[in-house]
Amino acid sequence: MVHGIGIDIVRTARMREAVERWGQRFLERVFTAEEIAYAYKKKDPFLPLSVRFAAKEAFIKALSGLVPVSLTDISVRNLSDGRPVLEVLGRTGEAAEQMGIGRIHLSLSHERDYGVACVVIEGGK
C-alpha cells in the first residue's frame, strides 16, 4: 500500500548560494558526512548536493508531516550499481518504523541547473 508520494526540485544556483553564505555549518546541518564527501568528489559538488536536498524534501512531503524530521537523519547514497537509495536514520527512522513505513522508492534526476527527486513510501498504519 502506498503511504505517500513526494517530489521536489532544487536549483543548483540556490544550493551554491546557501553553501557560500553559510559554509560548513549549513552543510553539516543538512547533509550527512557521507553525502558531503560524495558531493565534493565531483567536479561540481552543488549538483549532487541539490539532488540530495530535493530527495530529503520529497521524503518529508511523502510523510505528510506525520513524523518530526531531522535532515541529517535522511541519507541518500548510491548502491554499487549506481542506483540511489534513501535511508532513514536516528529518531526520524525510529518514528518511521513505529508508523510501519516499509519500502522507500527513490528516483533522482539532474542536469546543470536543477536537481529533482521523487519519493514513494510503502506501508504505514
N, C-alpha and C. Protein backbone atom coordinates (compact mmCIF):
# COMPACT_ATOMS: atom_id res chain seq x y z
N MET A 1 0.83 -1.18 0.00
CA MET A 1 0.00 0.00 0.00
C MET A 1 0.88 1.25 0.00
N VAL A 2 0.54 2.21 -0.83
CA VAL A 2 1.29 3.46 -0.89
C VAL A 2 0.89 4.34 0.30
N HIS A 3 1.88 4.73 1.06
CA HIS A 3 1.64 5.62 2.20
C HIS A 3 1.70 7.08 1.76
N GLY A 4 2.66 7.40 0.87
CA GLY A 4 2.79 8.78 0.43
C GLY A 4 3.73 8.92 -0.75
N ILE A 5 3.56 10.03 -1.46
CA ILE A 5 4.39 10.37 -2.61
C ILE A 5 4.84 11.81 -2.43
N GLY A 6 6.11 12.05 -2.73
CA GLY A 6 6.63 13.42 -2.65
C GLY A 6 7.56 13.69 -3.80
N ILE A 7 7.61 14.94 -4.22
CA ILE A 7 8.52 15.36 -5.29
C ILE A 7 9.06 16.73 -4.94
N ASP A 8 10.30 16.99 -5.35
CA ASP A 8 10.88 18.30 -5.10
C ASP A 8 11.93 18.60 -6.16
N ILE A 9 12.15 19.87 -6.42
CA ILE A 9 13.15 20.32 -7.38
C ILE A 9 13.95 21.44 -6.74
N VAL A 10 15.26 21.44 -6.98
CA VAL A 10 16.15 22.45 -6.39
C VAL A 10 17.07 23.00 -7.49
N ARG A 11 17.15 24.32 -7.56
CA ARG A 11 18.11 24.96 -8.48
C ARG A 11 19.51 24.84 -7.89
N THR A 12 20.47 24.44 -8.69
CA THR A 12 21.84 24.30 -8.20
C THR A 12 22.41 25.65 -7.77
N ALA A 13 21.99 26.73 -8.41
CA ALA A 13 22.47 28.06 -8.02
C ALA A 13 22.02 28.39 -6.59
N ARG A 14 20.84 27.96 -6.22
CA ARG A 14 20.34 28.20 -4.86
C ARG A 14 21.18 27.44 -3.84
N MET A 15 21.57 26.20 -4.18
CA MET A 15 22.41 25.42 -3.28
C MET A 15 23.79 26.08 -3.15
N ARG A 16 24.35 26.52 -4.26
CA ARG A 16 25.65 27.19 -4.25
C ARG A 16 25.60 28.43 -3.35
N GLU A 17 24.55 29.22 -3.49
CA GLU A 17 24.39 30.43 -2.68
C GLU A 17 24.32 30.10 -1.19
N ALA A 18 23.59 29.06 -0.85
CA ALA A 18 23.47 28.67 0.57
C ALA A 18 24.82 28.23 1.14
N VAL A 19 25.55 27.43 0.37
CA VAL A 19 26.86 26.95 0.85
C VAL A 19 27.84 28.12 0.94
N GLU A 20 27.83 29.00 -0.04
CA GLU A 20 28.73 30.15 0.01
C GLU A 20 28.40 31.08 1.17
N ARG A 21 27.13 31.20 1.50
CA ARG A 21 26.72 32.10 2.59
C ARG A 21 26.99 31.51 3.96
N TRP A 22 26.62 30.22 4.16
CA TRP A 22 26.69 29.62 5.49
C TRP A 22 27.78 28.57 5.65
N GLY A 23 28.41 28.17 4.56
CA GLY A 23 29.57 27.29 4.61
C GLY A 23 29.33 25.92 5.24
N GLN A 24 30.35 25.46 5.94
CA GLN A 24 30.35 24.13 6.54
C GLN A 24 29.21 23.95 7.54
N ARG A 25 28.85 25.00 8.22
CA ARG A 25 27.75 24.92 9.20
C ARG A 25 26.45 24.50 8.51
N PHE A 26 26.18 25.09 7.35
CA PHE A 26 24.99 24.72 6.57
C PHE A 26 25.08 23.26 6.14
N LEU A 27 26.22 22.90 5.55
CA LEU A 27 26.39 21.53 5.05
C LEU A 27 26.13 20.50 6.15
N GLU A 28 26.68 20.73 7.33
CA GLU A 28 26.55 19.76 8.42
C GLU A 28 25.16 19.74 9.04
N ARG A 29 24.38 20.79 8.87
CA ARG A 29 23.00 20.80 9.38
C ARG A 29 22.04 20.10 8.43
N VAL A 30 22.44 19.98 7.15
CA VAL A 30 21.54 19.45 6.13
C VAL A 30 21.94 18.07 5.63
N PHE A 31 23.25 17.81 5.54
CA PHE A 31 23.74 16.58 4.92
C PHE A 31 24.56 15.74 5.88
N THR A 32 24.59 14.44 5.61
CA THR A 32 25.46 13.55 6.39
C THR A 32 26.89 13.72 5.88
N ALA A 33 27.84 13.27 6.68
CA ALA A 33 29.25 13.35 6.29
C ALA A 33 29.49 12.58 4.99
N GLU A 34 28.82 11.45 4.83
CA GLU A 34 28.95 10.64 3.61
C GLU A 34 28.45 11.40 2.39
N GLU A 35 27.32 12.11 2.53
CA GLU A 35 26.77 12.88 1.41
C GLU A 35 27.70 14.04 1.02
N ILE A 36 28.26 14.71 2.02
CA ILE A 36 29.18 15.82 1.75
C ILE A 36 30.42 15.31 1.03
N ALA A 37 30.99 14.22 1.53
CA ALA A 37 32.20 13.65 0.91
C ALA A 37 31.92 13.23 -0.53
N TYR A 38 30.78 12.60 -0.76
CA TYR A 38 30.41 12.17 -2.12
C TYR A 38 30.33 13.38 -3.05
N ALA A 39 29.66 14.43 -2.62
CA ALA A 39 29.46 15.61 -3.46
C ALA A 39 30.78 16.29 -3.81
N TYR A 40 31.66 16.39 -2.83
CA TYR A 40 32.91 17.11 -3.06
C TYR A 40 33.96 16.29 -3.81
N LYS A 41 33.64 15.06 -4.14
CA LYS A 41 34.50 14.28 -5.05
C LYS A 41 34.15 14.60 -6.50
N LYS A 42 33.04 15.25 -6.71
CA LYS A 42 32.56 15.58 -8.06
C LYS A 42 33.13 16.93 -8.52
N LYS A 43 33.14 17.13 -9.84
CA LYS A 43 33.62 18.39 -10.42
C LYS A 43 32.79 19.57 -9.91
N ASP A 44 31.47 19.40 -9.89
CA ASP A 44 30.55 20.42 -9.39
C ASP A 44 29.77 19.83 -8.22
N PRO A 45 30.18 20.11 -6.99
CA PRO A 45 29.51 19.49 -5.83
C PRO A 45 28.07 19.96 -5.63
N PHE A 46 27.71 21.08 -6.23
CA PHE A 46 26.38 21.63 -5.96
C PHE A 46 25.27 20.85 -6.65
N LEU A 47 25.59 20.15 -7.71
CA LEU A 47 24.58 19.31 -8.37
C LEU A 47 24.20 18.11 -7.50
N PRO A 48 25.15 17.30 -7.00
CA PRO A 48 24.75 16.21 -6.11
C PRO A 48 24.16 16.71 -4.79
N LEU A 49 24.62 17.84 -4.30
CA LEU A 49 24.01 18.39 -3.08
C LEU A 49 22.56 18.78 -3.35
N SER A 50 22.32 19.41 -4.49
CA SER A 50 20.95 19.84 -4.84
C SER A 50 20.00 18.67 -4.96
N VAL A 51 20.42 17.62 -5.66
CA VAL A 51 19.53 16.49 -5.87
C VAL A 51 19.30 15.74 -4.55
N ARG A 52 20.29 15.70 -3.67
CA ARG A 52 20.11 15.05 -2.37
C ARG A 52 19.18 15.87 -1.47
N PHE A 53 19.30 17.19 -1.54
CA PHE A 53 18.38 18.03 -0.79
C PHE A 53 16.96 17.84 -1.30
N ALA A 54 16.80 17.77 -2.61
CA ALA A 54 15.48 17.53 -3.20
C ALA A 54 14.91 16.20 -2.71
N ALA A 55 15.75 15.18 -2.60
CA ALA A 55 15.29 13.87 -2.11
C ALA A 55 14.81 13.96 -0.67
N LYS A 56 15.53 14.69 0.16
CA LYS A 56 15.12 14.86 1.56
C LYS A 56 13.77 15.56 1.65
N GLU A 57 13.61 16.63 0.87
CA GLU A 57 12.34 17.37 0.86
C GLU A 57 11.20 16.51 0.31
N ALA A 58 11.48 15.72 -0.73
CA ALA A 58 10.45 14.84 -1.29
C ALA A 58 10.02 13.79 -0.26
N PHE A 59 10.98 13.27 0.50
CA PHE A 59 10.66 12.30 1.55
C PHE A 59 9.77 12.94 2.62
N ILE A 60 10.11 14.15 3.03
CA ILE A 60 9.31 14.85 4.04
C ILE A 60 7.88 15.05 3.52
N LYS A 61 7.74 15.42 2.26
CA LYS A 61 6.41 15.60 1.68
C LYS A 61 5.65 14.28 1.64
N ALA A 62 6.35 13.20 1.32
CA ALA A 62 5.69 11.89 1.27
C ALA A 62 5.21 11.45 2.65
N LEU A 63 5.89 11.90 3.70
CA LEU A 63 5.46 11.56 5.06
C LEU A 63 4.23 12.34 5.50
N SER A 64 3.89 13.38 4.78
CA SER A 64 2.72 14.22 5.06
C SER A 64 2.78 14.87 6.44
N GLY A 65 3.99 15.17 6.91
CA GLY A 65 4.14 15.86 8.19
C GLY A 65 3.82 15.02 9.41
N LEU A 66 3.74 13.71 9.26
CA LEU A 66 3.35 12.85 10.37
C LEU A 66 4.49 12.50 11.33
N VAL A 67 5.72 12.77 10.92
CA VAL A 67 6.89 12.42 11.72
C VAL A 67 7.79 13.64 11.83
N PRO A 68 8.28 13.96 13.04
CA PRO A 68 9.27 15.03 13.13
C PRO A 68 10.55 14.58 12.43
N VAL A 69 11.15 15.47 11.64
CA VAL A 69 12.26 15.07 10.78
C VAL A 69 13.49 15.94 11.01
N SER A 70 14.64 15.29 11.09
CA SER A 70 15.93 15.95 11.05
C SER A 70 16.54 15.63 9.69
N LEU A 71 16.98 16.64 8.95
CA LEU A 71 17.51 16.40 7.61
C LEU A 71 18.71 15.46 7.61
N THR A 72 19.51 15.49 8.68
CA THR A 72 20.67 14.60 8.73
C THR A 72 20.28 13.17 9.09
N ASP A 73 19.01 12.94 9.42
CA ASP A 73 18.51 11.57 9.62
C ASP A 73 18.08 10.94 8.30
N ILE A 74 18.11 11.73 7.24
CA ILE A 74 17.76 11.24 5.90
C ILE A 74 19.05 11.23 5.09
N SER A 75 19.43 10.08 4.59
CA SER A 75 20.69 9.95 3.86
C SER A 75 20.45 9.33 2.49
N VAL A 76 21.03 9.95 1.47
CA VAL A 76 20.95 9.42 0.11
C VAL A 76 22.33 8.92 -0.27
N ARG A 77 22.39 7.68 -0.68
CA ARG A 77 23.65 7.12 -1.14
C ARG A 77 23.37 6.29 -2.39
N ASN A 78 24.45 5.88 -3.04
CA ASN A 78 24.31 5.08 -4.24
C ASN A 78 24.78 3.66 -3.97
N LEU A 79 24.03 2.70 -4.49
CA LEU A 79 24.45 1.30 -4.42
C LEU A 79 25.62 1.10 -5.40
N SER A 80 26.24 -0.05 -5.33
CA SER A 80 27.40 -0.32 -6.19
C SER A 80 27.04 -0.25 -7.67
N ASP A 81 25.78 -0.50 -8.01
CA ASP A 81 25.36 -0.41 -9.42
C ASP A 81 24.92 1.01 -9.81
N GLY A 82 25.05 1.96 -8.89
CA GLY A 82 24.72 3.34 -9.17
C GLY A 82 23.33 3.79 -8.75
N ARG A 83 22.44 2.84 -8.44
CA ARG A 83 21.08 3.21 -8.04
C ARG A 83 21.09 3.98 -6.72
N PRO A 84 20.32 5.08 -6.64
CA PRO A 84 20.24 5.80 -5.37
C PRO A 84 19.27 5.13 -4.41
N VAL A 85 19.60 5.20 -3.14
CA VAL A 85 18.70 4.71 -2.09
C VAL A 85 18.61 5.78 -1.01
N LEU A 86 17.46 5.83 -0.37
CA LEU A 86 17.24 6.76 0.72
C LEU A 86 17.15 5.95 2.00
N GLU A 87 17.98 6.29 2.96
CA GLU A 87 17.97 5.62 4.26
C GLU A 87 17.49 6.61 5.31
N VAL A 88 16.68 6.12 6.23
CA VAL A 88 16.17 6.97 7.30
C VAL A 88 16.80 6.49 8.60
N LEU A 89 17.46 7.39 9.30
CA LEU A 89 18.27 7.06 10.46
C LEU A 89 17.73 7.76 11.72
N GLY A 90 18.36 7.47 12.85
CA GLY A 90 18.11 8.20 14.09
C GLY A 90 16.66 8.21 14.53
N ARG A 91 16.28 9.31 15.17
CA ARG A 91 14.91 9.44 15.69
C ARG A 91 13.87 9.43 14.57
N THR A 92 14.23 10.01 13.44
CA THR A 92 13.31 10.00 12.30
C THR A 92 13.07 8.57 11.85
N GLY A 93 14.12 7.77 11.82
CA GLY A 93 13.99 6.36 11.44
C GLY A 93 13.14 5.58 12.44
N GLU A 94 13.35 5.86 13.71
CA GLU A 94 12.55 5.18 14.76
C GLU A 94 11.08 5.53 14.62
N ALA A 95 10.79 6.81 14.39
CA ALA A 95 9.40 7.24 14.24
C ALA A 95 8.77 6.62 12.99
N ALA A 96 9.53 6.59 11.90
CA ALA A 96 9.02 5.99 10.66
C ALA A 96 8.75 4.50 10.86
N GLU A 97 9.62 3.83 11.59
CA GLU A 97 9.43 2.40 11.86
C GLU A 97 8.16 2.18 12.69
N GLN A 98 7.94 3.02 13.68
CA GLN A 98 6.73 2.91 14.51
C GLN A 98 5.47 3.14 13.69
N MET A 99 5.58 3.96 12.66
CA MET A 99 4.43 4.21 11.77
C MET A 99 4.19 3.04 10.83
N GLY A 100 5.15 2.12 10.75
CA GLY A 100 5.01 1.00 9.85
C GLY A 100 5.47 1.29 8.43
N ILE A 101 6.32 2.31 8.29
CA ILE A 101 6.85 2.64 6.97
C ILE A 101 7.67 1.45 6.47
N GLY A 102 7.40 1.03 5.26
CA GLY A 102 8.11 -0.10 4.67
C GLY A 102 9.14 0.37 3.68
N ARG A 103 9.00 -0.04 2.46
CA ARG A 103 9.95 0.32 1.40
C ARG A 103 9.86 1.78 1.02
N ILE A 104 11.02 2.33 0.70
CA ILE A 104 11.10 3.71 0.22
C ILE A 104 11.70 3.66 -1.18
N HIS A 105 10.96 4.13 -2.15
CA HIS A 105 11.43 4.17 -3.54
C HIS A 105 11.91 5.59 -3.84
N LEU A 106 13.07 5.69 -4.48
CA LEU A 106 13.66 6.99 -4.77
C LEU A 106 14.09 7.05 -6.23
N SER A 107 13.72 8.14 -6.88
CA SER A 107 14.19 8.39 -8.24
C SER A 107 14.78 9.80 -8.27
N LEU A 108 16.00 9.92 -8.81
CA LEU A 108 16.69 11.20 -8.90
C LEU A 108 16.98 11.52 -10.36
N SER A 109 16.97 12.79 -10.67
CA SER A 109 17.39 13.22 -11.99
C SER A 109 17.99 14.62 -11.84
N HIS A 110 18.94 14.93 -12.69
CA HIS A 110 19.53 16.26 -12.64
C HIS A 110 20.15 16.62 -13.97
N GLU A 111 20.28 17.91 -14.15
CA GLU A 111 21.03 18.47 -15.25
C GLU A 111 21.71 19.70 -14.68
N ARG A 112 22.37 20.46 -15.47
CA ARG A 112 23.23 21.53 -14.97
C ARG A 112 22.57 22.47 -13.97
N ASP A 113 21.34 22.86 -14.18
CA ASP A 113 20.71 23.89 -13.36
C ASP A 113 19.76 23.38 -12.29
N TYR A 114 19.33 22.11 -12.37
CA TYR A 114 18.31 21.61 -11.45
C TYR A 114 18.58 20.17 -11.03
N GLY A 115 18.17 19.89 -9.80
CA GLY A 115 18.12 18.52 -9.31
C GLY A 115 16.69 18.24 -8.89
N VAL A 116 16.16 17.08 -9.25
CA VAL A 116 14.79 16.73 -8.93
C VAL A 116 14.75 15.32 -8.33
N ALA A 117 13.83 15.12 -7.40
CA ALA A 117 13.70 13.82 -6.75
C ALA A 117 12.23 13.49 -6.55
N CYS A 118 11.94 12.21 -6.65
CA CYS A 118 10.60 11.69 -6.38
C CYS A 118 10.74 10.54 -5.39
N VAL A 119 9.90 10.54 -4.36
CA VAL A 119 9.91 9.50 -3.33
C VAL A 119 8.52 8.91 -3.21
N VAL A 120 8.47 7.58 -3.17
CA VAL A 120 7.23 6.85 -2.91
C VAL A 120 7.50 5.99 -1.68
N ILE A 121 6.61 6.12 -0.69
CA ILE A 121 6.74 5.35 0.55
C ILE A 121 5.63 4.30 0.59
N GLU A 122 6.00 3.06 0.84
CA GLU A 122 5.02 1.99 1.03
C GLU A 122 4.84 1.74 2.51
N GLY A 123 3.68 1.20 2.84
CA GLY A 123 3.39 0.83 4.22
C GLY A 123 2.60 1.91 4.92
N GLY A 124 2.75 1.98 6.21
CA GLY A 124 2.03 2.98 7.01
C GLY A 124 0.82 2.37 7.67
N LYS A 125 0.51 2.94 8.83
CA LYS A 125 -0.63 2.43 9.60
C LYS A 125 -1.86 3.26 9.31
